[in-house]
Amino acid sequence: MTSEEVMELIQGDTPMKKEKIENVMISRDDLEQLLALHNCIQDILGDAGEGFDLSMSQLRDLQGMMWKMKGRYQFAPQSNEDGHPCHWKPYVLPDDERAWFYKGE
C-alpha cells in the first residue's frame, strides 16, 4: 500500500452527509482509545521527523489531525515533579492527576 493510499484511507474517500452533529457522547474506553491513537501519531511524527522518510505534507497532515484530536478532547501533557510540562511524554486525559495545564500569569 502506498503512502497516498494510506492518507486516502485516513482522510476518507467518500463524502459524508452534511448533518450537524452536536455533543456526541463517547465512553471512557473510546476516549482512552483515542488517546492511544494520539500518542501513536505523536510517536510516528517524532520518528519520521528524525528519519525524513515521509513527505513533509504527509507529516503536516498527520500533525494537523493530531492537534485537532488533542484540542477536541483536551489531551494534556504530563507534568514533572516541578510542575513543568513534559511534551515528549505520552499525553494523558484532562482528569489525570499527571495532567499539566497552563494557568496563566
PDB file of N, CA and C in Angstrom:
ATOM      1  N   MET A   1       0.853  -1.177   0.000  1.00  0.00           N
ATOM      2  CA  MET A   1       0.000   0.000   0.000  1.00  0.00           C
ATOM      3  C   MET A   1       0.896   1.235   0.000  1.00  0.00           C
ATOM      4  N   THR A   2       0.610   2.160  -0.876  1.00  0.00           N
ATOM      5  CA  THR A   2       1.408   3.377  -0.968  1.00  0.00           C
ATOM      6  C   THR A   2       0.998   4.372   0.102  1.00  0.00           C
ATOM      7  N   SER A   3       1.858   5.357   0.332  1.00  0.00           N
ATOM      8  CA  SER A   3       1.545   6.378   1.326  1.00  0.00           C
ATOM      9  C   SER A   3       0.316   7.185   0.908  1.00  0.00           C
ATOM     10  N   GLU A   4       0.124   7.369  -0.397  1.00  0.00           N
ATOM     11  CA  GLU A   4      -1.063   8.092  -0.867  1.00  0.00           C
ATOM     12  C   GLU A   4      -2.341   7.320  -0.543  1.00  0.00           C
ATOM     13  N   GLU A   5      -2.285   5.981  -0.690  1.00  0.00           N
ATOM     14  CA  GLU A   5      -3.448   5.150  -0.361  1.00  0.00           C
ATOM     15  C   GLU A   5      -3.751   5.197   1.131  1.00  0.00           C
ATOM     16  N   VAL A   6      -2.703   5.204   1.946  1.00  0.00           N
ATOM     17  CA  VAL A   6      -2.891   5.288   3.394  1.00  0.00           C
ATOM     18  C   VAL A   6      -3.545   6.614   3.761  1.00  0.00           C
ATOM     19  N   MET A   7      -3.049   7.719   3.196  1.00  0.00           N
ATOM     20  CA  MET A   7      -3.627   9.024   3.501  1.00  0.00           C
ATOM     21  C   MET A   7      -5.073   9.102   3.031  1.00  0.00           C
ATOM     22  N   GLU A   8      -5.383   8.468   1.899  1.00  0.00           N
ATOM     23  CA  GLU A   8      -6.760   8.455   1.407  1.00  0.00           C
ATOM     24  C   GLU A   8      -7.665   7.716   2.383  1.00  0.00           C
ATOM     25  N   LEU A   9      -7.172   6.600   2.935  1.00  0.00           N
ATOM     26  CA  LEU A   9      -7.963   5.862   3.922  1.00  0.00           C
ATOM     27  C   LEU A   9      -8.167   6.680   5.193  1.00  0.00           C
ATOM     28  N   ILE A  10      -7.112   7.361   5.633  1.00  0.00           N
ATOM     29  CA  ILE A  10      -7.209   8.168   6.850  1.00  0.00           C
ATOM     30  C   ILE A  10      -8.188   9.315   6.650  1.00  0.00           C
ATOM     31  N   GLN A  11      -8.069   9.997   5.522  1.00  0.00           N
ATOM     32  CA  GLN A  11      -8.902  11.174   5.267  1.00  0.00           C
ATOM     33  C   GLN A  11     -10.299  10.808   4.799  1.00  0.00           C
ATOM     34  N   GLY A  12     -10.472   9.607   4.289  1.00  0.00           N
ATOM     35  CA  GLY A  12     -11.770   9.189   3.786  1.00  0.00           C
ATOM     36  C   GLY A  12     -11.924   9.547   2.327  1.00  0.00           C
ATOM     37  N   ASP A  13     -12.421   8.601   1.551  1.00  0.00           N
ATOM     38  CA  ASP A  13     -12.554   8.864   0.124  1.00  0.00           C
ATOM     39  C   ASP A  13     -13.996   9.046  -0.318  1.00  0.00           C
ATOM     40  N   THR A  14     -14.935   8.951   0.609  1.00  0.00           N
ATOM     41  CA  THR A  14     -16.325   9.181   0.258  1.00  0.00           C
ATOM     42  C   THR A  14     -16.857  10.347   1.089  1.00  0.00           C
ATOM     43  N   PRO A  15     -17.544  11.271   0.445  1.00  0.00           N
ATOM     44  CA  PRO A  15     -18.058  12.410   1.205  1.00  0.00           C
ATOM     45  C   PRO A  15     -19.134  11.972   2.199  1.00  0.00           C
ATOM     46  N   MET A  16     -19.115  12.622   3.356  1.00  0.00           N
ATOM     47  CA  MET A  16     -20.116  12.329   4.374  1.00  0.00           C
ATOM     48  C   MET A  16     -21.324  13.233   4.168  1.00  0.00           C
ATOM     49  N   LYS A  17     -22.463  12.785   4.658  1.00  0.00           N
ATOM     50  CA  LYS A  17     -23.641  13.646   4.640  1.00  0.00           C
ATOM     51  C   LYS A  17     -23.358  14.876   5.477  1.00  0.00           C
ATOM     52  N   LYS A  18     -23.897  15.999   5.059  1.00  0.00           N
ATOM     53  CA  LYS A  18     -23.694  17.232   5.801  1.00  0.00           C
ATOM     54  C   LYS A  18     -24.774  17.365   6.853  1.00  0.00           C
ATOM     55  N   GLU A  19     -24.607  16.604   7.914  1.00  0.00           N
ATOM     56  CA  GLU A  19     -25.528  16.679   9.040  1.00  0.00           C
ATOM     57  C   GLU A  19     -24.792  17.300  10.208  1.00  0.00           C
ATOM     58  N   LYS A  20     -25.472  18.144  10.926  1.00  0.00           N
ATOM     59  CA  LYS A  20     -24.861  18.763  12.086  1.00  0.00           C
ATOM     60  C   LYS A  20     -24.910  17.782  13.249  1.00  0.00           C
ATOM     61  N   ILE A  21     -23.738  17.496  13.808  1.00  0.00           N
ATOM     62  CA  ILE A  21     -23.646  16.585  14.945  1.00  0.00           C
ATOM     63  C   ILE A  21     -23.187  17.395  16.142  1.00  0.00           C
ATOM     64  N   GLU A  22     -23.957  17.359  17.193  1.00  0.00           N
ATOM     65  CA  GLU A  22     -23.614  18.114  18.385  1.00  0.00           C
ATOM     66  C   GLU A  22     -23.554  17.205  19.593  1.00  0.00           C
ATOM     67  N   ASN A  23     -22.598  17.475  20.453  1.00  0.00           N
ATOM     68  CA  ASN A  23     -22.487  16.816  21.752  1.00  0.00           C
ATOM     69  C   ASN A  23     -22.602  15.302  21.675  1.00  0.00           C
ATOM     70  N   VAL A  24     -21.763  14.705  20.852  1.00  0.00           N
ATOM     71  CA  VAL A  24     -21.736  13.250  20.768  1.00  0.00           C
ATOM     72  C   VAL A  24     -21.054  12.720  22.014  1.00  0.00           C
ATOM     73  N   MET A  25     -21.701  11.821  22.699  1.00  0.00           N
ATOM     74  CA  MET A  25     -21.135  11.234  23.910  1.00  0.00           C
ATOM     75  C   MET A  25     -20.353   9.981  23.538  1.00  0.00           C
ATOM     76  N   ILE A  26     -19.149   9.861  24.067  1.00  0.00           N
ATOM     77  CA  ILE A  26     -18.370   8.657  23.862  1.00  0.00           C
ATOM     78  C   ILE A  26     -17.993   8.091  25.225  1.00  0.00           C
ATOM     79  N   SER A  27     -17.763   6.814  25.256  1.00  0.00           N
ATOM     80  CA  SER A  27     -17.440   6.166  26.523  1.00  0.00           C
ATOM     81  C   SER A  27     -16.002   6.472  26.920  1.00  0.00           C
ATOM     82  N   ARG A  28     -15.703   6.215  28.166  1.00  0.00           N
ATOM     83  CA  ARG A  28     -14.336   6.386  28.681  1.00  0.00           C
ATOM     84  C   ARG A  28     -13.371   5.472  27.904  1.00  0.00           C
ATOM     85  N   ASP A  29     -13.800   4.246  27.614  1.00  0.00           N
ATOM     86  CA  ASP A  29     -12.952   3.325  26.850  1.00  0.00           C
ATOM     87  C   ASP A  29     -12.636   3.891  25.471  1.00  0.00           C
ATOM     88  N   ASP A  30     -13.644   4.493  24.805  1.00  0.00           N
ATOM     89  CA  ASP A  30     -13.417   5.098  23.492  1.00  0.00           C
ATOM     90  C   ASP A  30     -12.432   6.259  23.598  1.00  0.00           C
ATOM     91  N   LEU A  31     -12.583   7.063  24.636  1.00  0.00           N
ATOM     92  CA  LEU A  31     -11.694   8.200  24.824  1.00  0.00           C
ATOM     93  C   LEU A  31     -10.261   7.730  25.071  1.00  0.00           C
ATOM     94  N   GLU A  32     -10.100   6.669  25.821  1.00  0.00           N
ATOM     95  CA  GLU A  32      -8.764   6.123  26.054  1.00  0.00           C
ATOM     96  C   GLU A  32      -8.161   5.574  24.759  1.00  0.00           C
ATOM     97  N   GLN A  33      -9.001   5.014  23.897  1.00  0.00           N
ATOM     98  CA  GLN A  33      -8.512   4.542  22.602  1.00  0.00           C
ATOM     99  C   GLN A  33      -8.083   5.716  21.725  1.00  0.00           C
ATOM    100  N   LEU A  34      -8.844   6.797  21.757  1.00  0.00           N
ATOM    101  CA  LEU A  34      -8.453   7.993  21.011  1.00  0.00           C
ATOM    102  C   LEU A  34      -7.140   8.554  21.544  1.00  0.00           C
ATOM    103  N   LEU A  35      -6.965   8.513  22.849  1.00  0.00           N
ATOM    104  CA  LEU A  35      -5.716   8.972  23.448  1.00  0.00           C
ATOM    105  C   LEU A  35      -4.556   8.087  22.990  1.00  0.00           C
ATOM    106  N   ALA A  36      -4.773   6.782  22.939  1.00  0.00           N
ATOM    107  CA  ALA A  36      -3.733   5.871  22.459  1.00  0.00           C
ATOM    108  C   ALA A  36      -3.383   6.179  21.011  1.00  0.00           C
ATOM    109  N   LEU A  37      -4.396   6.473  20.185  1.00  0.00           N
ATOM    110  CA  LEU A  37      -4.159   6.857  18.789  1.00  0.00           C
ATOM    111  C   LEU A  37      -3.352   8.144  18.721  1.00  0.00           C
ATOM    112  N   HIS A  38      -3.729   9.123  19.531  1.00  0.00           N
ATOM    113  CA  HIS A  38      -2.993  10.387  19.588  1.00  0.00           C
ATOM    114  C   HIS A  38      -1.526  10.132  19.905  1.00  0.00           C
ATOM    115  N   ASN A  39      -1.264   9.322  20.919  1.00  0.00           N
ATOM    116  CA  ASN A  39       0.112   9.072  21.325  1.00  0.00           C
ATOM    117  C   ASN A  39       0.883   8.300  20.258  1.00  0.00           C
ATOM    118  N   CYS A  40       0.205   7.411  19.545  1.00  0.00           N
ATOM    119  CA  CYS A  40       0.831   6.676  18.453  1.00  0.00           C
ATOM    120  C   CYS A  40       1.222   7.639  17.332  1.00  0.00           C
ATOM    121  N   ILE A  41       0.317   8.526  16.963  1.00  0.00           N
ATOM    122  CA  ILE A  41       0.606   9.515  15.927  1.00  0.00           C
ATOM    123  C   ILE A  41       1.773  10.399  16.365  1.00  0.00           C
ATOM    124  N   GLN A  42       1.787  10.778  17.630  1.00  0.00           N
ATOM    125  CA  GLN A  42       2.864  11.612  18.149  1.00  0.00           C
ATOM    126  C   GLN A  42       4.210  10.894  18.016  1.00  0.00           C
ATOM    127  N   ASP A  43       4.250   9.608  18.343  1.00  0.00           N
ATOM    128  CA  ASP A  43       5.478   8.826  18.212  1.00  0.00           C
ATOM    129  C   ASP A  43       5.911   8.709  16.754  1.00  0.00           C
ATOM    130  N   ILE A  44       4.949   8.439  15.855  1.00  0.00           N
ATOM    131  CA  ILE A  44       5.264   8.305  14.434  1.00  0.00           C
ATOM    132  C   ILE A  44       5.852   9.613  13.898  1.00  0.00           C
ATOM    133  N   LEU A  45       5.239  10.728  14.264  1.00  0.00           N
ATOM    134  CA  LEU A  45       5.740  12.016  13.802  1.00  0.00           C
ATOM    135  C   LEU A  45       7.152  12.269  14.303  1.00  0.00           C
ATOM    136  N   GLY A  46       7.416  11.899  15.545  1.00  0.00           N
ATOM    137  CA  GLY A  46       8.759  12.078  16.081  1.00  0.00           C
ATOM    138  C   GLY A  46       9.781  11.234  15.349  1.00  0.00           C
ATOM    139  N   ASP A  47       9.455   9.969  15.136  1.00  0.00           N
ATOM    140  CA  ASP A  47      10.374   9.058  14.435  1.00  0.00           C
ATOM    141  C   ASP A  47      10.554   9.450  12.979  1.00  0.00           C
ATOM    142  N   ALA A  48       9.473   9.757  12.289  1.00  0.00           N
ATOM    143  CA  ALA A  48       9.546  10.116  10.875  1.00  0.00           C
ATOM    144  C   ALA A  48      10.289  11.434  10.691  1.00  0.00           C
ATOM    145  N   GLY A  49      10.122  12.337  11.619  1.00  0.00           N
ATOM    146  CA  GLY A  49      10.814  13.617  11.540  1.00  0.00           C
ATOM    147  C   GLY A  49      12.316  13.461  11.640  1.00  0.00           C
ATOM    148  N   GLU A  50      12.758  12.468  12.398  1.00  0.00           N
ATOM    149  CA  GLU A  50      14.189  12.227  12.523  1.00  0.00           C
ATOM    150  C   GLU A  50      14.748  11.512  11.295  1.00  0.00           C
ATOM    151  N   GLY A  51      13.956  10.594  10.710  1.00  0.00           N
ATOM    152  CA  GLY A  51      14.445   9.820   9.568  1.00  0.00           C
ATOM    153  C   GLY A  51      14.142  10.442   8.224  1.00  0.00           C
ATOM    154  N   PHE A  52      13.216  11.410   8.161  1.00  0.00           N
ATOM    155  CA  PHE A  52      12.803  12.079   6.931  1.00  0.00           C
ATOM    156  C   PHE A  52      12.434  11.090   5.819  1.00  0.00           C
ATOM    157  N   ASP A  53      11.677  10.055   6.228  1.00  0.00           N
ATOM    158  CA  ASP A  53      11.283   9.029   5.269  1.00  0.00           C
ATOM    159  C   ASP A  53       9.915   9.322   4.655  1.00  0.00           C
ATOM    160  N   LEU A  54       9.178  10.261   5.198  1.00  0.00           N
ATOM    161  CA  LEU A  54       7.875  10.643   4.678  1.00  0.00           C
ATOM    162  C   LEU A  54       7.959  12.048   4.103  1.00  0.00           C
ATOM    163  N   SER A  55       6.988  12.366   3.246  1.00  0.00           N
ATOM    164  CA  SER A  55       6.978  13.729   2.713  1.00  0.00           C
ATOM    165  C   SER A  55       6.511  14.690   3.807  1.00  0.00           C
ATOM    166  N   MET A  56       6.945  15.901   3.691  1.00  0.00           N
ATOM    167  CA  MET A  56       6.588  16.898   4.704  1.00  0.00           C
ATOM    168  C   MET A  56       5.083  17.179   4.702  1.00  0.00           C
ATOM    169  N   SER A  57       4.438  17.100   3.552  1.00  0.00           N
ATOM    170  CA  SER A  57       2.994  17.349   3.529  1.00  0.00           C
ATOM    171  C   SER A  57       2.243  16.238   4.262  1.00  0.00           C
ATOM    172  N   GLN A  58       2.739  14.991   4.184  1.00  0.00           N
ATOM    173  CA  GLN A  58       2.108  13.911   4.938  1.00  0.00           C
ATOM    174  C   GLN A  58       2.268  14.138   6.433  1.00  0.00           C
ATOM    175  N   LEU A  59       3.463  14.555   6.831  1.00  0.00           N
ATOM    176  CA  LEU A  59       3.689  14.849   8.244  1.00  0.00           C
ATOM    177  C   LEU A  59       2.807  16.001   8.715  1.00  0.00           C
ATOM    178  N   ARG A  60       2.666  17.017   7.858  1.00  0.00           N
ATOM    179  CA  ARG A  60       1.812  18.160   8.212  1.00  0.00           C
ATOM    180  C   ARG A  60       0.360  17.715   8.389  1.00  0.00           C
ATOM    181  N   ASP A  61      -0.123  16.843   7.498  1.00  0.00           N
ATOM    182  CA  ASP A  61      -1.492  16.338   7.612  1.00  0.00           C
ATOM    183  C   ASP A  61      -1.681  15.541   8.902  1.00  0.00           C
ATOM    184  N   LEU A  62      -0.724  14.653   9.193  1.00  0.00           N
ATOM    185  CA  LEU A  62      -0.816  13.870  10.428  1.00  0.00           C
ATOM    186  C   LEU A  62      -0.772  14.772  11.651  1.00  0.00           C
ATOM    187  N   GLN A  63       0.100  15.757  11.616  1.00  0.00           N
ATOM    188  CA  GLN A  63       0.211  16.671  12.746  1.00  0.00           C
ATOM    189  C   GLN A  63      -1.086  17.464  12.932  1.00  0.00           C
ATOM    190  N   GLY A  64      -1.678  17.900  11.841  1.00  0.00           N
ATOM    191  CA  GLY A  64      -2.940  18.633  11.932  1.00  0.00           C
ATOM    192  C   GLY A  64      -4.047  17.795  12.550  1.00  0.00           C
ATOM    193  N   MET A  65      -4.109  16.520  12.145  1.00  0.00           N
ATOM    194  CA  MET A  65      -5.119  15.633  12.733  1.00  0.00           C
ATOM    195  C   MET A  65      -4.863  15.427  14.218  1.00  0.00           C
ATOM    196  N   MET A  66      -3.588  15.282  14.578  1.00  0.00           N
ATOM    197  CA  MET A  66      -3.248  15.097  15.985  1.00  0.00           C
ATOM    198  C   MET A  66      -3.649  16.332  16.800  1.00  0.00           C
ATOM    199  N   TRP A  67      -3.357  17.523  16.289  1.00  0.00           N
ATOM    200  CA  TRP A  67      -3.707  18.745  17.004  1.00  0.00           C
ATOM    201  C   TRP A  67      -5.222  18.885  17.172  1.00  0.00           C
ATOM    202  N   LYS A  68      -5.977  18.520  16.131  1.00  0.00           N
ATOM    203  CA  LYS A  68      -7.437  18.597  16.236  1.00  0.00           C
ATOM    204  C   LYS A  68      -7.950  17.670  17.321  1.00  0.00           C
ATOM    205  N   MET A  69      -7.435  16.442  17.340  1.00  0.00           N
ATOM    206  CA  MET A  69      -7.865  15.496  18.372  1.00  0.00           C
ATOM    207  C   MET A  69      -7.462  15.978  19.759  1.00  0.00           C
ATOM    208  N   LYS A  70      -6.236  16.473  19.878  1.00  0.00           N
ATOM    209  CA  LYS A  70      -5.750  16.944  21.172  1.00  0.00           C
ATOM    210  C   LYS A  70      -6.615  18.089  21.678  1.00  0.00           C
ATOM    211  N   GLY A  71      -6.940  19.015  20.800  1.00  0.00           N
ATOM    212  CA  GLY A  71      -7.764  20.152  21.201  1.00  0.00           C
ATOM    213  C   GLY A  71      -9.195  19.761  21.516  1.00  0.00           C
ATOM    214  N   ARG A  72      -9.766  18.910  20.692  1.00  0.00           N
ATOM    215  CA  ARG A  72     -11.160  18.499  20.875  1.00  0.00           C
ATOM    216  C   ARG A  72     -11.379  17.754  22.185  1.00  0.00           C
ATOM    217  N   TYR A  73     -10.427  16.877  22.515  1.00  0.00           N
ATOM    218  CA  TYR A  73     -10.593  16.046  23.709  1.00  0.00           C
ATOM    219  C   TYR A  73      -9.734  16.514  24.876  1.00  0.00           C
ATOM    220  N   GLN A  74      -9.065  17.645  24.723  1.00  0.00           N
ATOM    221  CA  GLN A  74      -8.269  18.277  25.767  1.00  0.00           C
ATOM    222  C   GLN A  74      -7.207  17.342  26.347  1.00  0.00           C
ATOM    223  N   PHE A  75      -6.553  16.553  25.456  1.00  0.00           N
ATOM    224  CA  PHE A  75      -5.441  15.732  25.921  1.00  0.00           C
ATOM    225  C   PHE A  75      -4.364  16.676  26.449  1.00  0.00           C
ATOM    226  N   ALA A  76      -3.737  16.307  27.531  1.00  0.00           N
ATOM    227  CA  ALA A  76      -2.785  17.192  28.195  1.00  0.00           C
ATOM    228  C   ALA A  76      -1.423  16.526  28.340  1.00  0.00           C
ATOM    229  N   PRO A  77      -0.354  17.336  28.274  1.00  0.00           N
ATOM    230  CA  PRO A  77       0.956  16.756  28.549  1.00  0.00           C
ATOM    231  C   PRO A  77       1.060  16.420  30.037  1.00  0.00           C
ATOM    232  N   GLN A  78       1.937  15.502  30.343  1.00  0.00           N
ATOM    233  CA  GLN A  78       2.169  15.173  31.742  1.00  0.00           C
ATOM    234  C   GLN A  78       3.038  16.259  32.361  1.00  0.00           C
ATOM    235  N   SER A  79       2.905  16.443  33.658  1.00  0.00           N
ATOM    236  CA  SER A  79       3.768  17.389  34.348  1.00  0.00           C
ATOM    237  C   SER A  79       4.849  16.610  35.091  1.00  0.00           C
ATOM    238  N   ASN A  80       5.992  17.270  35.278  1.00  0.00           N
ATOM    239  CA  ASN A  80       7.058  16.633  36.045  1.00  0.00           C
ATOM    240  C   ASN A  80       6.902  16.991  37.523  1.00  0.00           C
ATOM    241  N   GLU A  81       7.869  16.607  38.323  1.00  0.00           N
ATOM    242  CA  GLU A  81       7.796  16.846  39.772  1.00  0.00           C
ATOM    243  C   GLU A  81       7.746  18.326  40.119  1.00  0.00           C
ATOM    244  N   ASP A  82       8.333  19.166  39.236  1.00  0.00           N
ATOM    245  CA  ASP A  82       8.360  20.609  39.480  1.00  0.00           C
ATOM    246  C   ASP A  82       7.141  21.331  38.920  1.00  0.00           C
ATOM    247  N   GLY A  83       6.212  20.577  38.320  1.00  0.00           N
ATOM    248  CA  GLY A  83       5.016  21.188  37.764  1.00  0.00           C
ATOM    249  C   GLY A  83       5.186  21.734  36.357  1.00  0.00           C
ATOM    250  N   HIS A  84       6.280  21.382  35.669  1.00  0.00           N
ATOM    251  CA  HIS A  84       6.508  21.827  34.296  1.00  0.00           C
ATOM    252  C   HIS A  84       6.006  20.756  33.328  1.00  0.00           C
ATOM    253  N   PRO A  85       5.592  21.173  32.115  1.00  0.00           N
ATOM    254  CA  PRO A  85       5.074  20.195  31.147  1.00  0.00           C
ATOM    255  C   PRO A  85       6.184  19.331  30.557  1.00  0.00           C
ATOM    256  N   CYS A  86       5.851  18.086  30.287  1.00  0.00           N
ATOM    257  CA  CYS A  86       6.767  17.139  29.627  1.00  0.00           C
ATOM    258  C   CYS A  86       6.126  16.772  28.295  1.00  0.00           C
ATOM    259  N   HIS A  87       6.289  17.632  27.284  1.00  0.00           N
ATOM    260  CA  HIS A  87       5.628  17.451  25.986  1.00  0.00           C
ATOM    261  C   HIS A  87       6.113  16.208  25.238  1.00  0.00           C
ATOM    262  N   TRP A  88       7.255  15.667  25.601  1.00  0.00           N
ATOM    263  CA  TRP A  88       7.802  14.483  24.929  1.00  0.00           C
ATOM    264  C   TRP A  88       7.220  13.188  25.468  1.00  0.00           C
ATOM    265  N   LYS A  89       6.577  13.236  26.623  1.00  0.00           N
ATOM    266  CA  LYS A  89       5.958  12.035  27.194  1.00  0.00           C
ATOM    267  C   LYS A  89       4.573  11.845  26.595  1.00  0.00           C
ATOM    268  N   PRO A  90       4.039  10.626  26.656  1.00  0.00           N
ATOM    269  CA  PRO A  90       2.664  10.409  26.170  1.00  0.00           C
ATOM    270  C   PRO A  90       1.688  11.330  26.910  1.00  0.00           C
ATOM    271  N   TYR A  91       0.763  11.891  26.154  1.00  0.00           N
ATOM    272  CA  TYR A  91      -0.233  12.770  26.754  1.00  0.00           C
ATOM    273  C   TYR A  91      -1.227  11.943  27.571  1.00  0.00           C
ATOM    274  N   VAL A  92      -1.966  12.622  28.443  1.00  0.00           N
ATOM    275  CA  VAL A  92      -2.930  11.966  29.323  1.00  0.00           C
ATOM    276  C   VAL A  92      -4.277  12.668  29.198  1.00  0.00           C
ATOM    277  N   LEU A  93      -5.308  12.041  29.729  1.00  0.00           N
ATOM    278  CA  LEU A  93      -6.639  12.656  29.727  1.00  0.00           C
ATOM    279  C   LEU A  93      -6.651  13.841  30.690  1.00  0.00           C
ATOM    280  N   PRO A  94      -7.538  14.804  30.467  1.00  0.00           N
ATOM    281  CA  PRO A  94      -7.521  16.020  31.287  1.00  0.00           C
ATOM    282  C   PRO A  94      -7.804  15.795  32.769  1.00  0.00           C
ATOM    283  N   ASP A  95      -8.444  14.691  33.124  1.00  0.00           N
ATOM    284  CA  ASP A  95      -8.726  14.451  34.531  1.00  0.00           C
ATOM    285  C   ASP A  95      -7.652  13.603  35.221  1.00  0.00           C
ATOM    286  N   ASP A  96      -6.591  13.288  34.500  1.00  0.00           N
ATOM    287  CA  ASP A  96      -5.482  12.520  35.067  1.00  0.00           C
ATOM    288  C   ASP A  96      -4.708  13.407  36.039  1.00  0.00           C
ATOM    289  N   GLU A  97      -4.288  12.859  37.152  1.00  0.00           N
ATOM    290  CA  GLU A  97      -3.560  13.658  38.145  1.00  0.00           C
ATOM    291  C   GLU A  97      -2.214  14.162  37.617  1.00  0.00           C
ATOM    292  N   ARG A  98      -1.699  13.529  36.571  1.00  0.00           N
ATOM    293  CA  ARG A  98      -0.425  13.958  35.975  1.00  0.00           C
ATOM    294  C   ARG A  98      -0.605  15.052  34.931  1.00  0.00           C
ATOM    295  N   ALA A  99      -1.834  15.389  34.569  1.00  0.00           N
ATOM    296  CA  ALA A  99      -2.099  16.353  33.500  1.00  0.00           C
ATOM    297  C   ALA A  99      -1.586  17.744  33.879  1.00  0.00           C
ATOM    298  N   TRP A 100      -0.952  18.406  32.906  1.00  0.00           N
ATOM    299  CA  TRP A 100      -0.459  19.765  33.086  1.00  0.00           C
ATOM    300  C   TRP A 100      -1.295  20.705  32.233  1.00  0.00           C
ATOM    301  N   PHE A 101      -1.663  21.852  32.823  1.00  0.00           N
ATOM    302  CA  PHE A 101      -2.395  22.887  32.092  1.00  0.00           C
ATOM    303  C   PHE A 101      -1.758  24.230  32.368  1.00  0.00           C
ATOM    304  N   TYR A 102      -1.709  25.068  31.364  1.00  0.00           N
ATOM    305  CA  TYR A 102      -1.200  26.421  31.534  1.00  0.00           C
ATOM    306  C   TYR A 102      -2.169  27.199  32.414  1.00  0.00           C
ATOM    307  N   LYS A 103      -1.643  27.810  33.446  1.00  0.00           N
ATOM    308  CA  LYS A 103      -2.507  28.526  34.392  1.00  0.00           C
ATOM    309  C   LYS A 103      -2.501  30.033  34.175  1.00  0.00           C
ATOM    310  N   GLY A 104      -1.664  30.537  33.295  1.00  0.00           N
ATOM    311  CA  GLY A 104      -1.607  31.968  33.031  1.00  0.00           C
ATOM    312  C   GLY A 104      -0.834  32.686  34.122  1.00  0.00           C
ATOM    313  N   GLU A 105      -0.736  33.992  33.973  1.00  0.00           N
ATOM    314  CA  GLU A 105       0.028  34.765  34.975  1.00  0.00           C
ATOM    315  C   GLU A 105      -0.861  35.725  35.688  1.00  0.00           C
TER     316      GLU A 105
END
